[in-house]
Every structure is written in C-alpha cells, then in structure tokens.
Amino acid sequence: MMDAENTSTGVHLNAEETRVLGCLIEKQRTTPDTYPLTLNALRSACNQKSNRDPVVDYEERDIVRALDGLRDKKLTWMITSSGGRVPKYEHSLDERLQLGAPQMAILCVLMLRGPQTAGEIKTRADRLHPFVTVTETENTLSQMMTREAGALVVRLPLQPGKREPRYAHLLAGEPEVEAPPPTAPRPEPARVEVEQENARFEALESELAELREELDTLRNAFDAFRSQFE
C-alpha cells in the first residue's frame, strides 16, 4: 500500500507536461540568467541526456502541446515584450500550490528523474536547495505527504532486496508500482528428501544404462572376434 493521506492537489499532469514543468523549475533555479526559457531552450532542457529519467526526444510541437496543457492548468504562461525576439515561458507552480524552495526542489528532481530514495533526493536536489542532512530531506517529504491541501509525494512499497523506500511525486496521479515477482513457498523437508532420492535413482539408472551399452559393445566385439576362428 502506498503511503499518502490526501492526493487532491487539483493538479494532474501527463508525461510531457511533467517533463516541461520540471525543466522550468530546474532552470529557474540553476540558470536564472537565462530564465524564462525560449521554446528552443526548453526543448533542449527536456531532451538532456544527463539528470533525466527517462531520456526523451521531444519535438517542438510536443513542447508546445505540453505548454498549452500547463497554461490551461494555470501552471505556465508565455511572456512577450516589445524588444524580445521570441516568446519565453515561465511556471507558477510555487504560487499555485504555495510551496517553498525545499518542496519545489524535491518535486523537481522527482519530476525529472522518477522515484528516488531520500538520500538520492538530497544529493540530486543540492543545486536547487541544499538539504543539510537526509533526515531534513525525510522531514520535508513527510510534510509533503501529509499536506492538508493535498499530498504532493508518496512513499512507495519497499522493493525486494532494498533497504530504503523510494518516493514519487503525485502531480501526475498515483504512480504505477510493479508488483514484486511471486516467491515460491519453501518445499517441505519430506519433499526435499524425495526429490534427492529421485535424483539419485535417476543417476543410478543413467549409469546402469551406460554400463549395459558398454557391455553390449564388448559382447559384439567378442562375438566378431570369435567368428574369425570358426
């Protein structure tokens, strides 16, 4: 069962909208001199091969459709000026949901890189907001999970063989969680003994068949040798 108390944020994004919005948040904080972004710059940001999961190859029309969807959700707008050569785009997610820098940093890395542990989030969010400790990151995640206006993140079920849970954002709805592969029950001791006995019998039968084949070969060779003197 995923751990989130309230997911009614009023925001539901598709994959393209998630990537575009995440890139706008990232570039606003990491390259403020070039923000807001042009359509071309936004496409380059979406198609980066580093710090992205999954890696995508969007065309400009994909970006435009995503921007239109985000505008309809009142999450982005286009800026034009008399001296500007091309339109630019900026987001308003922090204003729309009343979020601070720590929450925005967490959402950004989850939107751009998918589910992650608290330790991974702390490391990857450093350029956006420096969390001092993993505990601080976990506390912020907890606040985002129990937010009265609607949970923003969810703690995913612990994966088999993993020691730490991962977290995912909820701006695109409940994330799909892969069911762990079914584990076969341990066989009873009596079954183990029977299977071992069967294996021994099969090995003995195989050895016996080989001995019989060798004996037949020797017998045929002996008969052929004897027939030479009759």
Protein backbone atom coordinates (compact mmCIF):
# COMPACT_ATOMS: atom_id res chain seq x y z
CA MET A 1 0.00 0.00 0.00
CA MET A 2 1.46 3.38 -0.95
CA ASP A 3 1.76 5.88 1.86
CA ALA A 4 -0.11 9.13 1.18
CA GLU A 5 -3.03 10.68 3.02
CA ASN A 6 -4.51 13.16 0.55
CA THR A 7 -3.84 13.44 -3.17
CA SER A 8 -6.41 16.10 -4.09
CA THR A 9 -3.96 18.79 -5.23
CA GLY A 10 -6.12 19.75 -8.20
CA VAL A 11 -3.14 19.16 -10.50
CA HIS A 12 -2.87 16.20 -12.86
CA LEU A 13 -0.12 16.20 -15.47
CA ASN A 14 0.75 13.90 -18.35
CA ALA A 15 4.32 12.78 -19.03
CA GLU A 16 5.17 15.65 -21.38
CA GLU A 17 3.71 18.27 -19.05
CA THR A 18 5.63 16.77 -16.14
CA ARG A 19 8.93 16.98 -18.04
CA VAL A 20 8.33 20.55 -19.27
CA LEU A 21 7.28 21.81 -15.84
CA GLY A 22 10.20 20.08 -14.15
CA CYS A 23 12.63 21.69 -16.60
CA LEU A 24 11.18 25.16 -16.00
CA ILE A 25 11.60 24.70 -12.24
CA GLU A 26 15.15 23.40 -12.65
CA LYS A 27 16.36 26.14 -14.98
CA GLN A 28 14.72 28.88 -12.89
CA ARG A 29 16.99 27.87 -10.00
CA THR A 30 20.16 26.67 -11.74
CA THR A 31 20.43 29.16 -14.64
CA PRO A 32 18.40 32.22 -13.57
CA ASP A 33 20.18 34.45 -16.12
CA THR A 34 18.52 32.55 -18.99
CA TYR A 35 15.11 32.16 -17.35
CA PRO A 36 12.30 32.40 -18.55
CA LEU A 37 13.05 29.91 -21.33
CA THR A 38 12.51 30.09 -25.06
CA LEU A 39 10.84 27.17 -26.79
CA ASN A 40 14.19 26.03 -28.17
CA ALA A 41 15.88 26.23 -24.77
CA LEU A 42 13.01 24.35 -23.18
CA ARG A 43 13.24 21.59 -25.77
CA SER A 44 16.99 21.25 -25.10
CA ALA A 45 16.31 21.06 -21.38
CA CYS A 46 13.66 18.36 -21.85
CA ASN A 47 15.93 16.28 -24.10
CA GLN A 48 19.01 16.42 -21.86
CA LYS A 49 20.75 13.07 -21.54
CA SER A 50 22.05 13.83 -18.04
CA ASN A 51 19.89 14.15 -14.92
CA ARG A 52 16.86 12.79 -16.77
CA ASP A 53 14.95 9.53 -16.43
CA PRO A 54 13.67 8.57 -18.86
CA VAL A 55 15.70 10.23 -21.61
CA VAL A 56 13.30 11.60 -24.25
CA ASP A 57 13.49 13.15 -27.70
CA TYR A 58 10.63 15.65 -27.88
CA GLU A 59 9.90 17.72 -30.97
CA GLU A 60 8.98 21.39 -30.57
CA ARG A 61 5.33 20.58 -31.21
CA ASP A 62 5.41 18.18 -28.24
CA ILE A 63 6.67 21.03 -26.06
CA VAL A 64 4.00 23.39 -27.41
CA ARG A 65 1.23 20.91 -26.62
CA ALA A 66 2.60 20.46 -23.10
CA LEU A 67 2.84 24.22 -22.60
CA ASP A 68 -0.74 24.65 -23.76
CA GLY A 69 -1.88 22.00 -21.29
CA LEU A 70 0.08 23.61 -18.46
CA ARG A 71 -1.34 27.03 -19.36
CA ASP A 72 -4.86 25.63 -19.19
CA LYS A 73 -4.00 24.35 -15.70
CA LYS A 74 -2.68 27.82 -14.80
CA LEU A 75 0.82 26.49 -14.23
CA THR A 76 2.73 28.31 -17.00
CA TRP A 77 2.36 31.40 -19.12
CA MET A 78 4.06 32.98 -22.12
CA ILE A 79 5.96 36.24 -21.83
CA THR A 80 6.30 38.59 -24.78
CA SER A 81 7.93 42.00 -24.86
CA SER A 82 8.32 44.69 -27.48
CA GLY A 83 12.09 44.26 -27.53
CA GLY A 84 12.10 40.46 -27.31
CA ARG A 85 12.67 38.50 -30.48
CA VAL A 86 10.92 35.30 -29.35
CA PRO A 87 8.35 34.43 -26.69
CA LYS A 88 9.56 32.93 -23.40
CA TYR A 89 7.88 30.71 -20.84
CA GLU A 90 7.84 30.52 -17.06
CA HIS A 91 6.00 28.47 -14.47
CA SER A 92 3.86 29.36 -11.47
CA LEU A 93 3.70 26.06 -9.61
CA ASP A 94 5.13 27.53 -6.41
CA GLU A 95 2.49 30.27 -6.42
CA ARG A 96 -0.31 27.90 -7.40
CA LEU A 97 0.41 25.42 -4.59
CA GLN A 98 2.05 27.81 -2.11
CA LEU A 99 5.34 25.92 -1.96
CA GLY A 100 8.75 26.92 -0.65
CA ALA A 101 12.20 26.16 -2.02
CA PRO A 102 12.64 22.77 -0.25
CA GLN A 103 9.33 21.40 -1.56
CA MET A 104 9.99 22.73 -5.07
CA ALA A 105 13.44 21.16 -5.12
CA ILE A 106 12.05 17.76 -4.17
CA LEU A 107 9.25 17.94 -6.73
CA CYS A 108 11.70 19.00 -9.41
CA VAL A 109 14.09 16.05 -9.02
CA LEU A 110 11.20 13.59 -8.75
CA MET A 111 9.59 15.01 -11.91
CA LEU A 112 12.84 14.84 -13.86
CA ARG A 113 14.33 11.60 -12.56
CA GLY A 114 11.46 9.46 -11.29
CA PRO A 115 11.15 7.70 -7.91
CA GLN A 116 14.17 8.03 -5.61
CA THR A 117 15.25 7.41 -2.04
CA ALA A 118 15.59 10.28 0.43
CA GLY A 119 19.37 10.05 0.14
CA GLU A 120 19.24 10.29 -3.65
CA ILE A 121 16.86 13.24 -3.45
CA LYS A 122 19.19 15.07 -1.03
CA THR A 123 22.17 14.63 -3.35
CA ARG A 124 20.39 15.47 -6.59
CA ALA A 125 18.50 18.47 -5.20
CA ASP A 126 21.65 20.17 -3.94
CA ARG A 127 21.80 22.73 -6.77
CA LEU A 128 18.15 23.59 -6.22
CA HIS A 129 18.06 23.63 -2.43
CA PRO A 130 20.85 22.33 -0.17
CA PHE A 131 19.41 19.91 2.38
CA VAL A 132 21.85 19.63 5.28
CA THR A 133 21.03 16.02 6.18
CA VAL A 134 18.99 13.11 4.89
CA THR A 135 16.82 13.50 7.99
CA GLU A 136 15.94 17.03 6.90
CA THR A 137 15.01 15.67 3.48
CA GLU A 138 12.85 12.97 5.07
CA ASN A 139 11.11 15.54 7.28
CA THR A 140 10.27 17.66 4.25
CA LEU A 141 8.98 14.60 2.42
CA SER A 142 6.81 13.74 5.43
CA GLN A 143 5.33 17.24 5.41
CA MET A 144 4.59 16.94 1.71
CA MET A 145 2.89 13.57 2.27
CA THR A 146 0.59 14.90 5.00
CA ARG A 147 -0.13 18.31 3.50
CA GLU A 148 -3.68 19.47 4.27
CA ALA A 149 -4.18 20.92 0.79
CA GLY A 150 -3.29 17.56 -0.78
CA ALA A 151 -0.31 15.23 -0.66
CA LEU A 152 2.42 16.01 -3.18
CA VAL A 153 4.55 12.88 -2.77
CA VAL A 154 4.02 9.26 -1.85
CA ARG A 155 6.27 6.67 -0.25
CA LEU A 156 6.39 3.56 -2.43
CA PRO A 157 6.44 0.00 -1.11
CA LEU A 158 9.91 -1.24 -0.28
CA GLN A 159 11.39 -3.15 -3.21
CA PRO A 160 12.65 -6.69 -2.63
CA GLY A 161 16.30 -6.65 -1.61
CA LYS A 162 16.31 -2.89 -0.94
CA ARG A 163 16.87 -1.26 2.44
CA GLU A 164 15.36 2.18 1.78
CA PRO A 165 11.96 3.13 0.34
CA ARG A 166 11.64 5.39 -2.69
CA TYR A 167 9.38 8.41 -3.06
CA ALA A 168 7.40 9.60 -6.09
CA HIS A 169 5.51 12.80 -6.84
CA LEU A 170 1.73 12.82 -7.22
CA LEU A 171 1.33 15.63 -9.75
CA ALA A 172 0.71 13.01 -12.44
CA GLY A 173 -1.59 10.91 -10.25
CA GLU A 174 -0.80 7.72 -8.39
CA PRO A 175 2.39 6.15 -9.78
CA GLU A 176 2.24 2.65 -11.15
CA VAL A 177 4.03 0.22 -8.89
CA GLU A 178 5.42 -3.00 -10.29
CA ALA A 179 4.25 -5.99 -8.32
CA PRO A 180 7.15 -7.98 -6.87
CA PRO A 181 7.68 -11.34 -8.54
CA PRO A 182 5.84 -14.12 -6.71
CA THR A 183 8.06 -16.11 -4.40
CA ALA A 184 7.59 -19.86 -4.35
CA PRO A 185 6.99 -21.35 -0.89
CA ARG A 186 9.85 -23.32 0.62
CA PRO A 187 9.36 -27.06 -0.02
CA GLU A 188 8.70 -29.34 2.94
CA PRO A 189 11.68 -31.40 4.23
CA ALA A 190 9.97 -34.63 3.13
CA ARG A 191 9.66 -33.28 -0.43
CA VAL A 192 13.32 -32.32 -0.46
CA GLU A 193 14.26 -35.86 0.62
CA VAL A 194 12.04 -37.43 -2.05
CA GLU A 195 13.50 -35.17 -4.75
CA GLN A 196 17.03 -36.06 -3.63
CA GLU A 197 16.17 -39.76 -3.72
CA ASN A 198 14.67 -39.41 -7.18
CA ALA A 199 17.78 -37.63 -8.35
CA ARG A 200 19.97 -40.46 -7.01
CA PHE A 201 17.78 -43.10 -8.67
CA GLU A 202 17.93 -41.23 -11.97
CA ALA A 203 21.70 -41.02 -11.70
CA LEU A 204 21.94 -44.77 -10.96
CA GLU A 205 19.62 -45.61 -13.86
CA SER A 206 21.72 -43.47 -16.17
CA GLU A 207 24.95 -45.21 -15.02
CA LEU A 208 23.31 -48.63 -15.43
CA ALA A 209 22.20 -47.77 -18.95
CA GLU A 210 25.75 -46.70 -19.82
CA LEU A 211 27.19 -49.96 -18.37
CA ARG A 212 24.70 -52.03 -20.37
CA GLU A 213 25.65 -50.16 -23.52
CA GLU A 214 29.36 -50.78 -22.86
CA LEU A 215 28.65 -54.46 -22.13
CA ASP A 216 26.72 -54.83 -25.40
CA THR A 217 29.61 -53.21 -27.26
CA LEU A 218 32.13 -55.61 -25.67
CA ARG A 219 29.87 -58.61 -26.35
CA ASN A 220 29.52 -57.65 -30.00
CA ALA A 221 33.25 -57.17 -30.31
CA PHE A 222 33.89 -60.56 -28.70
CA ASP A 223 31.38 -62.30 -31.00
CA ALA A 224 33.02 -60.70 -34.03
CA PHE A 225 36.47 -61.81 -32.85
CA ARG A 226 35.31 -65.39 -32.19
CA SER A 227 33.64 -65.68 -35.58
CA GLN A 228 37.03 -65.23 -37.23
CA PHE A 229 38.18 -68.61 -35.86
CA GLU A 230 35.10 -70.67 -36.57
